[in-house]
Amino acid sequence: MTQILAVNALKPEAEIIKKAAEAIKAGGTVIFPTETVYGIGANTFDKNAVMKIFKAKNRPPDNPLIVHICNFAQLNEVAEVPEHIVPVLRKIWPGPITFVFKKKELVPLEVTGGAS
């Protein structure tokens, strides 16, 4: 079932964010604005949910997805981070930035387009 939930960009409502999180936990997808475009999000660890993103975007399965995270704990869940990079990360976070790391085993190959 599709729902449209408008979020106040300056004061995001916790209840609306909670509904979006529940949809992701249930294997659904959520569309959200980023700093440049709109993204489609799903549970990184749920292969079936990830495949919904490829289908919705008509995206080739060998074209990897971005994994959005909000803190170091999440980073360590999804990626193998070389120790020498950690000081750089701590200096520039938080902020919109992309890093490419080797994935952890828990992340399905579908997320990375078959790459490790």
PDB file of N, CA and C in Angstrom:
ATOM      1  N   MET A   1       0.848  -1.176   0.000  1.00  0.00           N
ATOM      2  CA  MET A   1       0.000   0.000   0.000  1.00  0.00           C
ATOM      3  C   MET A   1       0.897   1.244   0.000  1.00  0.00           C
ATOM      4  N   THR A   2       0.648   2.147  -0.895  1.00  0.00           N
ATOM      5  CA  THR A   2       1.422   3.376  -0.980  1.00  0.00           C
ATOM      6  C   THR A   2       0.833   4.426  -0.048  1.00  0.00           C
ATOM      7  N   GLN A   3       1.712   5.067   0.709  1.00  0.00           N
ATOM      8  CA  GLN A   3       1.321   6.182   1.564  1.00  0.00           C
ATOM      9  C   GLN A   3       2.235   7.347   1.238  1.00  0.00           C
ATOM     10  N   ILE A   4       1.697   8.550   1.262  1.00  0.00           N
ATOM     11  CA  ILE A   4       2.509   9.745   1.092  1.00  0.00           C
ATOM     12  C   ILE A   4       2.522  10.474   2.422  1.00  0.00           C
ATOM     13  N   LEU A   5       3.714  10.633   2.970  1.00  0.00           N
ATOM     14  CA  LEU A   5       3.892  11.291   4.260  1.00  0.00           C
ATOM     15  C   LEU A   5       4.818  12.478   4.063  1.00  0.00           C
ATOM     16  N   ALA A   6       4.315  13.662   4.246  1.00  0.00           N
ATOM     17  CA  ALA A   6       5.146  14.863   4.104  1.00  0.00           C
ATOM     18  C   ALA A   6       5.866  15.117   5.421  1.00  0.00           C
ATOM     19  N   VAL A   7       7.160  15.370   5.318  1.00  0.00           N
ATOM     20  CA  VAL A   7       7.982  15.622   6.496  1.00  0.00           C
ATOM     21  C   VAL A   7       8.470  17.059   6.468  1.00  0.00           C
ATOM     22  N   ASN A   8       8.370  17.725   7.582  1.00  0.00           N
ATOM     23  CA  ASN A   8       8.884  19.080   7.708  1.00  0.00           C
ATOM     24  C   ASN A   8      10.411  19.004   7.679  1.00  0.00           C
ATOM     25  N   ALA A   9      11.032  19.613   6.669  1.00  0.00           N
ATOM     26  CA  ALA A   9      12.482  19.525   6.504  1.00  0.00           C
ATOM     27  C   ALA A   9      13.246  20.176   7.655  1.00  0.00           C
ATOM     28  N   LEU A  10      12.678  21.201   8.259  1.00  0.00           N
ATOM     29  CA  LEU A  10      13.367  21.899   9.341  1.00  0.00           C
ATOM     30  C   LEU A  10      13.120  21.263  10.702  1.00  0.00           C
ATOM     31  N   LYS A  11      11.945  20.673  10.868  1.00  0.00           N
ATOM     32  CA  LYS A  11      11.601  20.007  12.133  1.00  0.00           C
ATOM     33  C   LYS A  11      10.908  18.688  11.822  1.00  0.00           C
ATOM     34  N   PRO A  12      11.679  17.674  11.411  1.00  0.00           N
ATOM     35  CA  PRO A  12      11.055  16.388  11.054  1.00  0.00           C
ATOM     36  C   PRO A  12      10.262  15.806  12.216  1.00  0.00           C
ATOM     37  N   GLU A  13       9.062  15.360  11.925  1.00  0.00           N
ATOM     38  CA  GLU A  13       8.176  14.822  12.935  1.00  0.00           C
ATOM     39  C   GLU A  13       8.554  13.375  13.231  1.00  0.00           C
ATOM     40  N   ALA A  14       8.835  13.072  14.481  1.00  0.00           N
ATOM     41  CA  ALA A  14       9.282  11.739  14.888  1.00  0.00           C
ATOM     42  C   ALA A  14       8.273  10.667  14.491  1.00  0.00           C
ATOM     43  N   GLU A  15       6.997  10.958  14.591  1.00  0.00           N
ATOM     44  CA  GLU A  15       5.962   9.968  14.286  1.00  0.00           C
ATOM     45  C   GLU A  15       5.982   9.585  12.808  1.00  0.00           C
ATOM     46  N   ILE A  16       6.230  10.544  11.933  1.00  0.00           N
ATOM     47  CA  ILE A  16       6.294  10.246  10.498  1.00  0.00           C
ATOM     48  C   ILE A  16       7.554   9.445  10.178  1.00  0.00           C
ATOM     49  N   ILE A  17       8.671   9.819  10.767  1.00  0.00           N
ATOM     50  CA  ILE A  17       9.915   9.089  10.562  1.00  0.00           C
ATOM     51  C   ILE A  17       9.744   7.647  11.059  1.00  0.00           C
ATOM     52  N   LYS A  18       9.046   7.480  12.167  1.00  0.00           N
ATOM     53  CA  LYS A  18       8.796   6.145  12.721  1.00  0.00           C
ATOM     54  C   LYS A  18       7.987   5.299  11.735  1.00  0.00           C
ATOM     55  N   LYS A  19       6.981   5.891  11.085  1.00  0.00           N
ATOM     56  CA  LYS A  19       6.183   5.151  10.102  1.00  0.00           C
ATOM     57  C   LYS A  19       7.046   4.696   8.924  1.00  0.00           C
ATOM     58  N   ALA A  20       7.921   5.574   8.472  1.00  0.00           N
ATOM     59  CA  ALA A  20       8.822   5.205   7.367  1.00  0.00           C
ATOM     60  C   ALA A  20       9.754   4.072   7.799  1.00  0.00           C
ATOM     61  N   ALA A  21      10.285   4.156   9.008  1.00  0.00           N
ATOM     62  CA  ALA A  21      11.170   3.107   9.521  1.00  0.00           C
ATOM     63  C   ALA A  21      10.426   1.773   9.621  1.00  0.00           C
ATOM     64  N   GLU A  22       9.174   1.813  10.041  1.00  0.00           N
ATOM     65  CA  GLU A  22       8.377   0.588  10.143  1.00  0.00           C
ATOM     66  C   GLU A  22       8.165  -0.037   8.769  1.00  0.00           C
ATOM     67  N   ALA A  23       7.945   0.802   7.751  1.00  0.00           N
ATOM     68  CA  ALA A  23       7.783   0.291   6.386  1.00  0.00           C
ATOM     69  C   ALA A  23       9.069  -0.411   5.928  1.00  0.00           C
ATOM     70  N   ILE A  24      10.207   0.182   6.221  1.00  0.00           N
ATOM     71  CA  ILE A  24      11.487  -0.428   5.841  1.00  0.00           C
ATOM     72  C   ILE A  24      11.687  -1.738   6.596  1.00  0.00           C
ATOM     73  N   LYS A  25      11.414  -1.751   7.890  1.00  0.00           N
ATOM     74  CA  LYS A  25      11.566  -2.976   8.686  1.00  0.00           C
ATOM     75  C   LYS A  25      10.669  -4.096   8.174  1.00  0.00           C
ATOM     76  N   ALA A  26       9.524  -3.738   7.599  1.00  0.00           N
ATOM     77  CA  ALA A  26       8.572  -4.727   7.091  1.00  0.00           C
ATOM     78  C   ALA A  26       8.904  -5.181   5.672  1.00  0.00           C
ATOM     79  N   GLY A  27      10.037  -4.737   5.131  1.00  0.00           N
ATOM     80  CA  GLY A  27      10.431  -5.160   3.796  1.00  0.00           C
ATOM     81  C   GLY A  27       9.982  -4.230   2.688  1.00  0.00           C
ATOM     82  N   GLY A  28       9.470  -3.060   3.058  1.00  0.00           N
ATOM     83  CA  GLY A  28       9.013  -2.091   2.059  1.00  0.00           C
ATOM     84  C   GLY A  28      10.110  -1.127   1.651  1.00  0.00           C
ATOM     85  N   THR A  29       9.748  -0.178   0.842  1.00  0.00           N
ATOM     86  CA  THR A  29      10.669   0.866   0.391  1.00  0.00           C
ATOM     87  C   THR A  29      10.115   2.230   0.754  1.00  0.00           C
ATOM     88  N   VAL A  30      11.016   3.198   0.838  1.00  0.00           N
ATOM     89  CA  VAL A  30      10.648   4.569   1.187  1.00  0.00           C
ATOM     90  C   VAL A  30      11.408   5.506   0.254  1.00  0.00           C
ATOM     91  N   ILE A  31      10.731   6.504  -0.246  1.00  0.00           N
ATOM     92  CA  ILE A  31      11.375   7.524  -1.080  1.00  0.00           C
ATOM     93  C   ILE A  31      11.653   8.724  -0.189  1.00  0.00           C
ATOM     94  N   PHE A  32      12.869   9.268  -0.296  1.00  0.00           N
ATOM     95  CA  PHE A  32      13.272  10.367   0.581  1.00  0.00           C
ATOM     96  C   PHE A  32      14.212  11.309  -0.164  1.00  0.00           C
ATOM     97  N   PRO A  33      14.199  12.597   0.218  1.00  0.00           N
ATOM     98  CA  PRO A  33      15.114  13.544  -0.424  1.00  0.00           C
ATOM     99  C   PRO A  33      16.521  13.413   0.149  1.00  0.00           C
ATOM    100  N   THR A  34      17.511  13.598  -0.701  1.00  0.00           N
ATOM    101  CA  THR A  34      18.906  13.684  -0.259  1.00  0.00           C
ATOM    102  C   THR A  34      19.380  15.092  -0.583  1.00  0.00           C
ATOM    103  N   GLU A  35      20.667  15.340  -0.446  1.00  0.00           N
ATOM    104  CA  GLU A  35      21.167  16.687  -0.727  1.00  0.00           C
ATOM    105  C   GLU A  35      21.100  17.047  -2.208  1.00  0.00           C
ATOM    106  N   THR A  36      20.968  16.052  -3.098  1.00  0.00           N
ATOM    107  CA  THR A  36      20.942  16.355  -4.532  1.00  0.00           C
ATOM    108  C   THR A  36      19.748  15.778  -5.277  1.00  0.00           C
ATOM    109  N   VAL A  37      19.254  14.614  -4.872  1.00  0.00           N
ATOM    110  CA  VAL A  37      18.179  13.940  -5.603  1.00  0.00           C
ATOM    111  C   VAL A  37      17.248  13.250  -4.605  1.00  0.00           C
ATOM    112  N   TYR A  38      16.235  12.590  -5.117  1.00  0.00           N
ATOM    113  CA  TYR A  38      15.417  11.720  -4.267  1.00  0.00           C
ATOM    114  C   TYR A  38      15.981  10.317  -4.337  1.00  0.00           C
ATOM    115  N   GLY A  39      15.983   9.632  -3.197  1.00  0.00           N
ATOM    116  CA  GLY A  39      16.477   8.271  -3.136  1.00  0.00           C
ATOM    117  C   GLY A  39      15.355   7.320  -2.795  1.00  0.00           C
ATOM    118  N   ILE A  40      15.574   6.048  -3.095  1.00  0.00           N
ATOM    119  CA  ILE A  40      14.653   4.999  -2.687  1.00  0.00           C
ATOM    120  C   ILE A  40      15.415   4.140  -1.694  1.00  0.00           C
ATOM    121  N   GLY A  41      14.861   4.010  -0.494  1.00  0.00           N
ATOM    122  CA  GLY A  41      15.546   3.263   0.554  1.00  0.00           C
ATOM    123  C   GLY A  41      14.828   1.985   0.919  1.00  0.00           C
ATOM    124  N   ALA A  42      15.626   1.020   1.375  1.00  0.00           N
ATOM    125  CA  ALA A  42      15.108  -0.260   1.861  1.00  0.00           C
ATOM    126  C   ALA A  42      16.096  -0.798   2.884  1.00  0.00           C
ATOM    127  N   ASN A  43      15.729  -1.853   3.553  1.00  0.00           N
ATOM    128  CA  ASN A  43      16.606  -2.489   4.524  1.00  0.00           C
ATOM    129  C   ASN A  43      17.797  -3.116   3.798  1.00  0.00           C
ATOM    130  N   THR A  44      18.980  -2.618   4.076  1.00  0.00           N
ATOM    131  CA  THR A  44      20.204  -3.097   3.436  1.00  0.00           C
ATOM    132  C   THR A  44      20.383  -4.602   3.579  1.00  0.00           C
ATOM    133  N   PHE A  45      19.928  -5.176   4.682  1.00  0.00           N
ATOM    134  CA  PHE A  45      20.160  -6.585   4.971  1.00  0.00           C
ATOM    135  C   PHE A  45      19.068  -7.506   4.427  1.00  0.00           C
ATOM    136  N   ASP A  46      18.044  -6.938   3.786  1.00  0.00           N
ATOM    137  CA  ASP A  46      16.914  -7.701   3.260  1.00  0.00           C
ATOM    138  C   ASP A  46      17.007  -7.748   1.733  1.00  0.00           C
ATOM    139  N   LYS A  47      17.495  -8.886   1.207  1.00  0.00           N
ATOM    140  CA  LYS A  47      17.717  -9.032  -0.229  1.00  0.00           C
ATOM    141  C   LYS A  47      16.449  -8.743  -1.034  1.00  0.00           C
ATOM    142  N   ASN A  48      15.304  -9.224  -0.565  1.00  0.00           N
ATOM    143  CA  ASN A  48      14.048  -9.007  -1.299  1.00  0.00           C
ATOM    144  C   ASN A  48      13.679  -7.528  -1.343  1.00  0.00           C
ATOM    145  N   ALA A  49      13.881  -6.827  -0.244  1.00  0.00           N
ATOM    146  CA  ALA A  49      13.589  -5.387  -0.214  1.00  0.00           C
ATOM    147  C   ALA A  49      14.541  -4.636  -1.146  1.00  0.00           C
ATOM    148  N   VAL A  50      15.799  -5.027  -1.139  1.00  0.00           N
ATOM    149  CA  VAL A  50      16.795  -4.400  -2.020  1.00  0.00           C
ATOM    150  C   VAL A  50      16.395  -4.582  -3.485  1.00  0.00           C
ATOM    151  N   MET A  51      15.921  -5.765  -3.823  1.00  0.00           N
ATOM    152  CA  MET A  51      15.531  -6.021  -5.205  1.00  0.00           C
ATOM    153  C   MET A  51      14.352  -5.154  -5.639  1.00  0.00           C
ATOM    154  N   LYS A  52      13.520  -4.729  -4.691  1.00  0.00           N
ATOM    155  CA  LYS A  52      12.414  -3.818  -5.013  1.00  0.00           C
ATOM    156  C   LYS A  52      12.941  -2.482  -5.519  1.00  0.00           C
ATOM    157  N   ILE A  53      14.093  -2.055  -5.008  1.00  0.00           N
ATOM    158  CA  ILE A  53      14.697  -0.806  -5.482  1.00  0.00           C
ATOM    159  C   ILE A  53      15.114  -0.960  -6.939  1.00  0.00           C
ATOM    160  N   PHE A  54      15.785  -2.057  -7.266  1.00  0.00           N
ATOM    161  CA  PHE A  54      16.204  -2.289  -8.648  1.00  0.00           C
ATOM    162  C   PHE A  54      15.002  -2.317  -9.583  1.00  0.00           C
ATOM    163  N   LYS A  55      13.929  -2.973  -9.146  1.00  0.00           N
ATOM    164  CA  LYS A  55      12.731  -3.064  -9.983  1.00  0.00           C
ATOM    165  C   LYS A  55      12.082  -1.687 -10.154  1.00  0.00           C
ATOM    166  N   ALA A  56      11.938  -0.934  -9.056  1.00  0.00           N
ATOM    167  CA  ALA A  56      11.284   0.376  -9.128  1.00  0.00           C
ATOM    168  C   ALA A  56      12.046   1.338 -10.030  1.00  0.00           C
ATOM    169  N   LYS A  57      13.357   1.252 -10.011  1.00  0.00           N
ATOM    170  CA  LYS A  57      14.180   2.174 -10.797  1.00  0.00           C
ATOM    171  C   LYS A  57      14.538   1.622 -12.168  1.00  0.00           C
ATOM    172  N   ASN A  58      14.124   0.381 -12.444  1.00  0.00           N
ATOM    173  CA  ASN A  58      14.532  -0.295 -13.674  1.00  0.00           C
ATOM    174  C   ASN A  58      16.062  -0.246 -13.793  1.00  0.00           C
ATOM    175  N   ARG A  59      16.704  -0.511 -12.681  1.00  0.00           N
ATOM    176  CA  ARG A  59      18.155  -0.398 -12.557  1.00  0.00           C
ATOM    177  C   ARG A  59      18.799  -1.764 -12.824  1.00  0.00           C
ATOM    178  N   PRO A  60      19.870  -1.797 -13.610  1.00  0.00           N
ATOM    179  CA  PRO A  60      20.552  -3.073 -13.849  1.00  0.00           C
ATOM    180  C   PRO A  60      21.090  -3.646 -12.531  1.00  0.00           C
ATOM    181  N   PRO A  61      20.994  -4.960 -12.343  1.00  0.00           N
ATOM    182  CA  PRO A  61      21.400  -5.558 -11.072  1.00  0.00           C
ATOM    183  C   PRO A  61      22.897  -5.498 -10.778  1.00  0.00           C
ATOM    184  N   ASP A  62      23.703  -5.121 -11.756  1.00  0.00           N
ATOM    185  CA  ASP A  62      25.140  -4.994 -11.499  1.00  0.00           C
ATOM    186  C   ASP A  62      25.541  -3.557 -11.166  1.00  0.00           C
ATOM    187  N   ASN A  63      24.558  -2.692 -10.992  1.00  0.00           N
ATOM    188  CA  ASN A  63      24.802  -1.290 -10.646  1.00  0.00           C
ATOM    189  C   ASN A  63      24.575  -1.129  -9.141  1.00  0.00           C
ATOM    190  N   PRO A  64      25.645  -1.034  -8.337  1.00  0.00           N
ATOM    191  CA  PRO A  64      25.501  -1.052  -6.878  1.00  0.00           C
ATOM    192  C   PRO A  64      24.660   0.095  -6.321  1.00  0.00           C
ATOM    193  N   LEU A  65      24.125  -0.153  -5.128  1.00  0.00           N
ATOM    194  CA  LEU A  65      23.329   0.845  -4.417  1.00  0.00           C
ATOM    195  C   LEU A  65      24.181   1.546  -3.360  1.00  0.00           C
ATOM    196  N   ILE A  66      23.730   2.702  -2.937  1.00  0.00           N
ATOM    197  CA  ILE A  66      24.346   3.419  -1.828  1.00  0.00           C
ATOM    198  C   ILE A  66      23.697   2.934  -0.539  1.00  0.00           C
ATOM    199  N   VAL A  67      24.501   2.718   0.485  1.00  0.00           N
ATOM    200  CA  VAL A  67      23.986   2.360   1.804  1.00  0.00           C
ATOM    201  C   VAL A  67      24.103   3.602   2.689  1.00  0.00           C
ATOM    202  N   HIS A  68      22.969   4.139   3.098  1.00  0.00           N
ATOM    203  CA  HIS A  68      22.954   5.328   3.956  1.00  0.00           C
ATOM    204  C   HIS A  68      23.067   4.891   5.410  1.00  0.00           C
ATOM    205  N   ILE A  69      23.935   5.554   6.149  1.00  0.00           N
ATOM    206  CA  ILE A  69      24.105   5.264   7.572  1.00  0.00           C
ATOM    207  C   ILE A  69      24.169   6.575   8.335  1.00  0.00           C
ATOM    208  N   CYS A  70      24.034   6.485   9.653  1.00  0.00           N
ATOM    209  CA  CYS A  70      24.035   7.725  10.430  1.00  0.00           C
ATOM    210  C   CYS A  70      25.122   7.788  11.489  1.00  0.00           C
ATOM    211  N   ASN A  71      25.863   6.697  11.714  1.00  0.00           N
ATOM    212  CA  ASN A  71      26.890   6.743  12.756  1.00  0.00           C
ATOM    213  C   ASN A  71      27.922   5.639  12.556  1.00  0.00           C
ATOM    214  N   PHE A  72      28.961   5.664  13.383  1.00  0.00           N
ATOM    215  CA  PHE A  72      30.031   4.680  13.265  1.00  0.00           C
ATOM    216  C   PHE A  72      29.561   3.262  13.555  1.00  0.00           C
ATOM    217  N   ALA A  73      28.644   3.105  14.471  1.00  0.00           N
ATOM    218  CA  ALA A  73      28.146   1.764  14.769  1.00  0.00           C
ATOM    219  C   ALA A  73      27.537   1.142  13.516  1.00  0.00           C
ATOM    220  N   GLN A  74      26.749   1.912  12.794  1.00  0.00           N
ATOM    221  CA  GLN A  74      26.153   1.399  11.560  1.00  0.00           C
ATOM    222  C   GLN A  74      27.217   1.151  10.502  1.00  0.00           C
ATOM    223  N   LEU A  75      28.198   2.026  10.423  1.00  0.00           N
ATOM    224  CA  LEU A  75      29.278   1.830   9.454  1.00  0.00           C
ATOM    225  C   LEU A  75      29.964   0.495   9.686  1.00  0.00           C
ATOM    226  N   ASN A  76      30.235   0.192  10.934  1.00  0.00           N
ATOM    227  CA  ASN A  76      30.913  -1.063  11.253  1.00  0.00           C
ATOM    228  C   ASN A  76      30.038  -2.287  11.022  1.00  0.00           C
ATOM    229  N   GLU A  77      28.723  -2.105  10.944  1.00  0.00           N
ATOM    230  CA  GLU A  77      27.823  -3.216  10.627  1.00  0.00           C
ATOM    231  C   GLU A  77      27.879  -3.578   9.143  1.00  0.00           C
ATOM    232  N   VAL A  78      28.122  -2.585   8.290  1.00  0.00           N
ATOM    233  CA  VAL A  78      28.012  -2.819   6.847  1.00  0.00           C
ATOM    234  C   VAL A  78      29.338  -2.866   6.107  1.00  0.00           C
ATOM    235  N   ALA A  79      30.413  -2.333   6.701  1.00  0.00           N
ATOM    236  CA  ALA A  79      31.665  -2.204   5.945  1.00  0.00           C
ATOM    237  C   ALA A  79      32.893  -2.549   6.770  1.00  0.00           C
ATOM    238  N   GLU A  80      33.908  -2.979   6.046  1.00  0.00           N
ATOM    239  CA  GLU A  80      35.226  -3.171   6.646  1.00  0.00           C
ATOM    240  C   GLU A  80      35.992  -1.869   6.458  1.00  0.00           C
ATOM    241  N   VAL A  81      36.233  -1.162   7.555  1.00  0.00           N
ATOM    242  CA  VAL A  81      36.836   0.163   7.500  1.00  0.00           C
ATOM    243  C   VAL A  81      38.296   0.087   7.938  1.00  0.00           C
ATOM    244  N   PRO A  82      39.220   0.444   7.049  1.00  0.00           N
ATOM    245  CA  PRO A  82      40.623   0.453   7.446  1.00  0.00           C
ATOM    246  C   PRO A  82      40.854   1.453   8.581  1.00  0.00           C
ATOM    247  N   GLU A  83      41.626   1.061   9.575  1.00  0.00           N
ATOM    248  CA  GLU A  83      41.866   1.901  10.759  1.00  0.00           C
ATOM    249  C   GLU A  83      42.418   3.281  10.407  1.00  0.00           C
ATOM    250  N   HIS A  84      43.264   3.368   9.369  1.00  0.00           N
ATOM    251  CA  HIS A  84      43.863   4.665   9.043  1.00  0.00           C
ATOM    252  C   HIS A  84      42.850   5.669   8.491  1.00  0.00           C
ATOM    253  N   ILE A  85      41.655   5.195   8.124  1.00  0.00           N
ATOM    254  CA  ILE A  85      40.599   6.077   7.606  1.00  0.00           C
ATOM    255  C   ILE A  85      39.766   6.676   8.737  1.00  0.00           C
ATOM    256  N   VAL A  86      39.720   6.029   9.882  1.00  0.00           N
ATOM    257  CA  VAL A  86      38.851   6.449  10.984  1.00  0.00           C
ATOM    258  C   VAL A  86      39.082   7.901  11.399  1.00  0.00           C
ATOM    259  N   PRO A  87      40.321   8.387  11.561  1.00  0.00           N
ATOM    260  CA  PRO A  87      40.492   9.803  11.932  1.00  0.00           C
ATOM    261  C   PRO A  87      39.895  10.767  10.900  1.00  0.00           C
ATOM    262  N   VAL A  88      39.984  10.411   9.637  1.00  0.00           N
ATOM    263  CA  VAL A  88      39.396  11.249   8.577  1.00  0.00           C
ATOM    264  C   VAL A  88      37.884  11.266   8.718  1.00  0.00           C
ATOM    265  N   LEU A  89      37.301  10.095   8.928  1.00  0.00           N
ATOM    266  CA  LEU A  89      35.850  10.013   9.099  1.00  0.00           C
ATOM    267  C   LEU A  89      35.384  10.854  10.284  1.00  0.00           C
ATOM    268  N   ARG A  90      36.081  10.739  11.388  1.00  0.00           N
ATOM    269  CA  ARG A  90      35.683  11.486  12.590  1.00  0.00           C
ATOM    270  C   ARG A  90      35.792  12.999  12.377  1.00  0.00           C
ATOM    271  N   LYS A  91      36.719  13.413  11.534  1.00  0.00           N
ATOM    272  CA  LYS A  91      36.905  14.843  11.287  1.00  0.00           C
ATOM    273  C   LYS A  91      35.804  15.428  10.398  1.00  0.00           C
ATOM    274  N   ILE A  92      35.358  14.670   9.409  1.00  0.00           N
ATOM    275  CA  ILE A  92      34.411  15.234   8.435  1.00  0.00           C
ATOM    276  C   ILE A  92      32.949  14.883   8.703  1.00  0.00           C
ATOM    277  N   TRP A  93      32.689  13.895   9.538  1.00  0.00           N
ATOM    278  CA  TRP A  93      31.309  13.555   9.868  1.00  0.00           C
ATOM    279  C   TRP A  93      30.792  14.440  10.966  1.00  0.00           C
ATOM    280  N   PRO A  94      29.504  14.724  11.074  1.00  0.00           N
ATOM    281  CA  PRO A  94      28.463  14.315  10.142  1.00  0.00           C
ATOM    282  C   PRO A  94      28.460  15.218   8.914  1.00  0.00           C
ATOM    283  N   GLY A  95      27.886  14.692   7.886  1.00  0.00           N
ATOM    284  CA  GLY A  95      27.764  15.442   6.642  1.00  0.00           C
ATOM    285  C   GLY A  95      27.538  14.505   5.484  1.00  0.00           C
ATOM    286  N   PRO A  96      27.028  15.034   4.382  1.00  0.00           N
ATOM    287  CA  PRO A  96      26.768  14.203   3.205  1.00  0.00           C
ATOM    288  C   PRO A  96      28.073  13.910   2.462  1.00  0.00           C
ATOM    289  N   ILE A  97      28.524  12.684   2.561  1.00  0.00           N
ATOM    290  CA  ILE A  97      29.754  12.268   1.893  1.00  0.00           C
ATOM    291  C   ILE A  97      29.648  10.788   1.562  1.00  0.00           C
ATOM    292  N   THR A  98      30.324  10.375   0.522  1.00  0.00           N
ATOM    293  CA  THR A  98      30.297   8.981   0.100  1.00  0.00           C
ATOM    294  C   THR A  98      31.682   8.367   0.237  1.00  0.00           C
ATOM    295  N   PHE A  99      31.733   7.172   0.821  1.00  0.00           N
ATOM    296  CA  PHE A  99      32.952   6.375   0.879  1.00  0.00           C
ATOM    297  C   PHE A  99      32.660   5.025   0.252  1.00  0.00           C
ATOM    298  N   VAL A 100      33.682   4.400  -0.297  1.00  0.00           N
ATOM    299  CA  VAL A 100      33.540   3.067  -0.852  1.00  0.00           C
ATOM    300  C   VAL A 100      34.447   2.136  -0.052  1.00  0.00           C
ATOM    301  N   PHE A 101      33.832   1.174   0.632  1.00  0.00           N
ATOM    302  CA  PHE A 101      34.556   0.196   1.449  1.00  0.00           C
ATOM    303  C   PHE A 101      34.129  -1.201   1.043  1.00  0.00           C
ATOM    304  N   LYS A 102      34.920  -2.176   1.426  1.00  0.00           N
ATOM    305  CA  LYS A 102      34.537  -3.567   1.239  1.00  0.00           C
ATOM    306  C   LYS A 102      33.358  -3.864   2.165  1.00  0.00           C
ATOM    307  N   LYS A 103      32.369  -4.572   1.654  1.00  0.00           N
ATOM    308  CA  LYS A 103      31.172  -4.869   2.436  1.00  0.00           C
ATOM    309  C   LYS A 103      31.431  -5.974   3.450  1.00  0.00           C
ATOM    310  N   LYS A 104      30.614  -5.973   4.504  1.00  0.00           N
ATOM    311  CA  LYS A 104      30.625  -7.071   5.471  1.00  0.00           C
ATOM    312  C   LYS A 104      29.753  -8.205   4.925  1.00  0.00           C
ATOM    313  N   GLU A 105      29.939  -9.398   5.468  1.00  0.00           N
ATOM    314  CA  GLU A 105      29.198 -10.583   5.026  1.00  0.00           C
ATOM    315  C   GLU A 105      27.685 -10.413   5.131  1.00  0.00           C
ATOM    316  N   LEU A 106      27.216  -9.664   6.131  1.00  0.00           N
ATOM    317  CA  LEU A 106      25.771  -9.494   6.327  1.00  0.00           C
ATOM    318  C   LEU A 106      25.084  -8.737   5.194  1.00  0.00           C
ATOM    319  N   VAL A 107      25.849  -7.980   4.436  1.00  0.00           N
ATOM    320  CA  VAL A 107      25.286  -7.197   3.338  1.00  0.00           C
ATOM    321  C   VAL A 107      25.169  -8.096   2.104  1.00  0.00           C
ATOM    322  N   PRO A 108      23.949  -8.302   1.588  1.00  0.00           N
ATOM    323  CA  PRO A 108      23.785  -9.158   0.418  1.00  0.00           C
ATOM    324  C   PRO A 108      24.552  -8.636  -0.799  1.00  0.00           C
ATOM    325  N   LEU A 109      25.032  -9.561  -1.622  1.00  0.00           N
ATOM    326  CA  LEU A 109      25.747  -9.174  -2.843  1.00  0.00           C
ATOM    327  C   LEU A 109      24.878  -8.316  -3.767  1.00  0.00           C
ATOM    328  N   GLU A 110      23.556  -8.478  -3.684  1.00  0.00           N
ATOM    329  CA  GLU A 110      22.654  -7.678  -4.528  1.00  0.00           C
ATOM    330  C   GLU A 110      22.843  -6.189  -4.272  1.00  0.00           C
ATOM    331  N   VAL A 111      23.145  -5.802  -3.053  1.00  0.00           N
ATOM    332  CA  VAL A 111      23.336  -4.377  -2.716  1.00  0.00           C
ATOM    333  C   VAL A 111      24.523  -3.803  -3.479  1.00  0.00           C
ATOM    334  N   THR A 112      25.574  -4.607  -3.620  1.00  0.00           N
ATOM    335  CA  THR A 112      26.818  -4.123  -4.223  1.00  0.00           C
ATOM    336  C   THR A 112      26.943  -4.498  -5.694  1.00  0.00           C
ATOM    337  N   GLY A 113      25.870  -4.958  -6.290  1.00  0.00           N
ATOM    338  CA  GLY A 113      25.921  -5.328  -7.701  1.00  0.00           C
ATOM    339  C   GLY A 113      26.819  -6.527  -7.953  1.00  0.00           C
ATOM    340  N   GLY A 114      27.005  -7.356  -6.920  1.00  0.00           N
ATOM    341  CA  GLY A 114      27.820  -8.554  -7.051  1.00  0.00           C
ATOM    342  C   GLY A 114      29.264  -8.375  -6.610  1.00  0.00           C
ATOM    343  N   ALA A 115      29.658  -7.143  -6.276  1.00  0.00           N
ATOM    344  CA  ALA A 115      31.034  -6.881  -5.815  1.00  0.00           C
ATOM    345  C   ALA A 115      31.114  -7.059  -4.315  1.00  0.00           C
ATOM    346  N   SER A 116      32.311  -7.297  -3.827  1.00  0.00           N
ATOM    347  CA  SER A 116      32.467  -7.449  -2.384  1.00  0.00           C
ATOM    348  C   SER A 116      32.942  -6.146  -1.783  1.00  0.00           C
TER     349      SER A 116
END
